[in-house]
Every structure is written in structure tokens, then in C-alpha cells.
Amino acid sequence: MSQTVLTPGADVTTPHGRGLVVDVRATPAGTFLVGVEDADGEVRYFTEKVVRLTAA
């Protein structure tokens, strides 16, 4: 993974808005997908490159 630590419960920003990380998994190709739940309860998966930790 990149230098940031994306763990379940982390507050993040995605291209679709803000949310909480609920899942992090590796693909067979070696990339990581991050599952982010938004305020409506919808979970979307993004590559780690587009997910940013929200500044506290």
C-alpha cells in the first residue's frame, strides 16, 4: 500500500464525497481496493490512489 494507512473506521474523502473505510482488500493483480461507506449507507470500492484521509 501507499504511505498512508487506510484501515477500517478511517474518515476519508473520495471522488464521490466523504465516508468511512469499511473494507480493504488486495486483488490478484496486487492492487488494493478500499470499500468506503457514505452517509446514505452505500458502499463503493475505490483504488487506494483516489482515497485520501480526511484532515482532522
N, C-alpha and C. Protein backbone atom coordinates (compact mmCIF):
# COMPACT_ATOMS: atom_id res chain seq x y z
N MET A 1 0.84 -1.19 0.00
CA MET A 1 0.00 0.00 0.00
C MET A 1 0.87 1.24 0.00
N SER A 2 0.23 2.36 -0.16
CA SER A 2 0.96 3.62 -0.17
C SER A 2 1.41 4.00 1.24
N GLN A 3 1.94 5.21 1.38
CA GLN A 3 2.46 5.66 2.66
C GLN A 3 1.34 5.89 3.69
N THR A 4 0.12 6.15 3.26
CA THR A 4 -0.97 6.37 4.19
C THR A 4 -1.53 5.03 4.65
N VAL A 5 -2.07 5.00 5.84
CA VAL A 5 -2.65 3.78 6.37
C VAL A 5 -4.16 3.90 6.32
N LEU A 6 -4.77 3.14 5.44
CA LEU A 6 -6.22 3.15 5.31
C LEU A 6 -6.75 1.90 6.01
N THR A 7 -7.29 2.09 7.20
CA THR A 7 -7.80 0.98 7.98
C THR A 7 -9.29 1.17 8.21
N PRO A 8 -10.03 0.10 8.49
CA PRO A 8 -11.46 0.25 8.76
C PRO A 8 -11.71 1.28 9.86
N GLY A 9 -12.68 2.13 9.59
CA GLY A 9 -13.03 3.20 10.53
C GLY A 9 -12.40 4.54 10.20
N ALA A 10 -11.44 4.57 9.28
CA ALA A 10 -10.78 5.82 8.92
C ALA A 10 -11.74 6.71 8.14
N ASP A 11 -11.72 8.00 8.43
CA ASP A 11 -12.53 9.01 7.75
C ASP A 11 -11.78 9.43 6.49
N VAL A 12 -12.40 9.25 5.31
CA VAL A 12 -11.71 9.51 4.05
C VAL A 12 -12.57 10.36 3.11
N THR A 13 -11.91 10.89 2.09
CA THR A 13 -12.56 11.62 1.02
C THR A 13 -12.32 10.85 -0.28
N THR A 14 -13.38 10.70 -1.07
CA THR A 14 -13.30 10.01 -2.36
C THR A 14 -13.82 10.95 -3.44
N PRO A 15 -13.75 10.56 -4.70
CA PRO A 15 -14.34 11.38 -5.76
C PRO A 15 -15.85 11.57 -5.61
N HIS A 16 -16.50 10.72 -4.81
CA HIS A 16 -17.95 10.81 -4.60
C HIS A 16 -18.33 11.44 -3.28
N GLY A 17 -17.34 11.94 -2.53
CA GLY A 17 -17.63 12.59 -1.26
C GLY A 17 -16.88 11.93 -0.11
N ARG A 18 -17.39 12.20 1.09
CA ARG A 18 -16.75 11.71 2.30
C ARG A 18 -17.39 10.41 2.78
N GLY A 19 -16.60 9.61 3.51
CA GLY A 19 -17.14 8.37 4.06
C GLY A 19 -16.17 7.71 5.01
N LEU A 20 -16.54 6.51 5.45
CA LEU A 20 -15.71 5.73 6.36
C LEU A 20 -15.25 4.46 5.67
N VAL A 21 -14.00 4.10 5.88
CA VAL A 21 -13.47 2.86 5.32
C VAL A 21 -14.11 1.69 6.07
N VAL A 22 -14.66 0.74 5.31
CA VAL A 22 -15.26 -0.45 5.91
C VAL A 22 -14.54 -1.72 5.49
N ASP A 23 -13.71 -1.65 4.44
CA ASP A 23 -13.05 -2.84 3.93
C ASP A 23 -11.82 -2.45 3.12
N VAL A 24 -10.76 -3.22 3.28
CA VAL A 24 -9.55 -3.05 2.46
C VAL A 24 -9.14 -4.44 2.01
N ARG A 25 -8.99 -4.64 0.70
CA ARG A 25 -8.62 -5.96 0.20
C ARG A 25 -7.70 -5.86 -1.00
N ALA A 26 -6.88 -6.88 -1.15
CA ALA A 26 -5.95 -6.95 -2.27
C ALA A 26 -6.60 -7.71 -3.42
N THR A 27 -6.28 -7.30 -4.64
CA THR A 27 -6.74 -8.02 -5.81
C THR A 27 -5.65 -9.00 -6.24
N PRO A 28 -5.97 -9.96 -7.09
CA PRO A 28 -4.94 -10.88 -7.59
C PRO A 28 -3.80 -10.16 -8.33
N ALA A 29 -4.10 -8.98 -8.86
CA ALA A 29 -3.09 -8.20 -9.59
C ALA A 29 -2.15 -7.45 -8.66
N GLY A 30 -2.44 -7.47 -7.35
CA GLY A 30 -1.56 -6.81 -6.40
C GLY A 30 -1.94 -5.39 -6.05
N THR A 31 -3.07 -4.90 -6.54
CA THR A 31 -3.52 -3.57 -6.15
C THR A 31 -4.48 -3.70 -4.96
N PHE A 32 -4.71 -2.61 -4.27
CA PHE A 32 -5.61 -2.64 -3.12
C PHE A 32 -6.89 -1.89 -3.46
N LEU A 33 -8.02 -2.45 -3.03
CA LEU A 33 -9.32 -1.79 -3.15
C LEU A 33 -9.78 -1.42 -1.75
N VAL A 34 -10.37 -0.23 -1.65
CA VAL A 34 -10.82 0.28 -0.37
C VAL A 34 -12.34 0.46 -0.46
N GLY A 35 -13.06 -0.22 0.43
CA GLY A 35 -14.51 -0.07 0.50
C GLY A 35 -14.86 1.09 1.40
N VAL A 36 -15.63 2.04 0.88
CA VAL A 36 -15.99 3.25 1.63
C VAL A 36 -17.51 3.36 1.70
N GLU A 37 -18.01 3.50 2.93
CA GLU A 37 -19.44 3.67 3.15
C GLU A 37 -19.75 5.16 3.29
N ASP A 38 -20.71 5.64 2.48
CA ASP A 38 -21.07 7.06 2.55
C ASP A 38 -22.19 7.28 3.56
N ALA A 39 -22.66 8.50 3.68
CA ALA A 39 -23.67 8.86 4.68
C ALA A 39 -25.00 8.14 4.44
N ASP A 40 -25.27 7.73 3.20
CA ASP A 40 -26.51 7.03 2.88
C ASP A 40 -26.42 5.53 3.13
N GLY A 41 -25.24 5.04 3.53
CA GLY A 41 -25.05 3.62 3.78
C GLY A 41 -24.59 2.83 2.57
N GLU A 42 -24.36 3.51 1.45
CA GLU A 42 -23.91 2.84 0.24
C GLU A 42 -22.40 2.61 0.31
N VAL A 43 -21.96 1.40 -0.05
CA VAL A 43 -20.54 1.08 -0.06
C VAL A 43 -20.06 1.04 -1.50
N ARG A 44 -18.99 1.77 -1.76
CA ARG A 44 -18.35 1.78 -3.07
C ARG A 44 -16.89 1.41 -2.88
N TYR A 45 -16.33 0.76 -3.88
CA TYR A 45 -14.93 0.37 -3.83
C TYR A 45 -14.10 1.25 -4.75
N PHE A 46 -12.95 1.69 -4.23
CA PHE A 46 -12.04 2.56 -4.96
C PHE A 46 -10.63 2.00 -4.85
N THR A 47 -9.79 2.35 -5.82
CA THR A 47 -8.38 2.02 -5.67
C THR A 47 -7.80 2.95 -4.62
N GLU A 48 -6.73 2.53 -3.99
CA GLU A 48 -6.14 3.34 -2.92
C GLU A 48 -5.62 4.68 -3.43
N LYS A 49 -5.40 4.81 -4.73
CA LYS A 49 -4.86 6.06 -5.29
C LYS A 49 -5.84 7.21 -5.22
N VAL A 50 -7.15 6.93 -5.22
CA VAL A 50 -8.13 8.02 -5.23
C VAL A 50 -8.73 8.30 -3.85
N VAL A 51 -8.39 7.49 -2.85
CA VAL A 51 -8.92 7.68 -1.49
C VAL A 51 -7.90 8.45 -0.67
N ARG A 52 -8.34 9.52 -0.04
CA ARG A 52 -7.46 10.35 0.80
C ARG A 52 -8.00 10.43 2.21
N LEU A 53 -7.11 10.32 3.18
CA LEU A 53 -7.50 10.52 4.58
C LEU A 53 -7.99 11.94 4.75
N THR A 54 -9.07 12.11 5.51
CA THR A 54 -9.60 13.45 5.78
C THR A 54 -8.81 14.07 6.91
N ALA A 55 -8.46 15.33 6.74
CA ALA A 55 -7.72 16.04 7.80
C ALA A 55 -8.61 16.22 9.01
N ALA A 56 -8.08 15.94 10.16
CA ALA A 56 -8.88 16.02 11.39
C ALA A 56 -9.04 17.44 11.85
